Amino acid sequence: RRVVAEEEGRAHAKIDAARVAIAAAEEAKASVAGRLLAIQQQVSRGRVELASMDTRVPELEEHKTLAVAAKNFKEASRLSLELKALVAEREALAARQRSQDTLQEELNGERARLLADLDRLTLLLQE
């Protein structure tokens, strides 16, 4: 009897530990999902912004060329500065996008690991 009671106690302790681990994994999974959603939104906004910049650069170059052709060098200089600033901003945004893509991959890996842990813990509870 005593042995059976001890085994039951150990089994209940394992079950309780598995339930706690499942709850922690579920919480971590929800946290990762929230972070993934936020990053996906940032990436989406960044893509739109990059596309806008990609159309704006040729426009500015054309305006600058026209200003030079019209010998409006003051306007050409202003457009050149604006163009340089836009290109620098675009490069910075593209670098941020690459960083966010890397983070998104890492979070997807963490999410997959958490799902595997949850599956393993669920199987453990079913035993």
Foldseek 3Di string as FASTA:
>chain_A
DVVVVVVVVVVVVLLVVLVVVLVVLVVVLVVLVVVLVVLVVVLVVLVVVLVVLVVVLVVLVVVLVVCVVVVVVVVNVVSVVVNVVSVVVSVVSVVVSVVSVVVSVVSVVVSVVSVVSNVVSVVVNVD
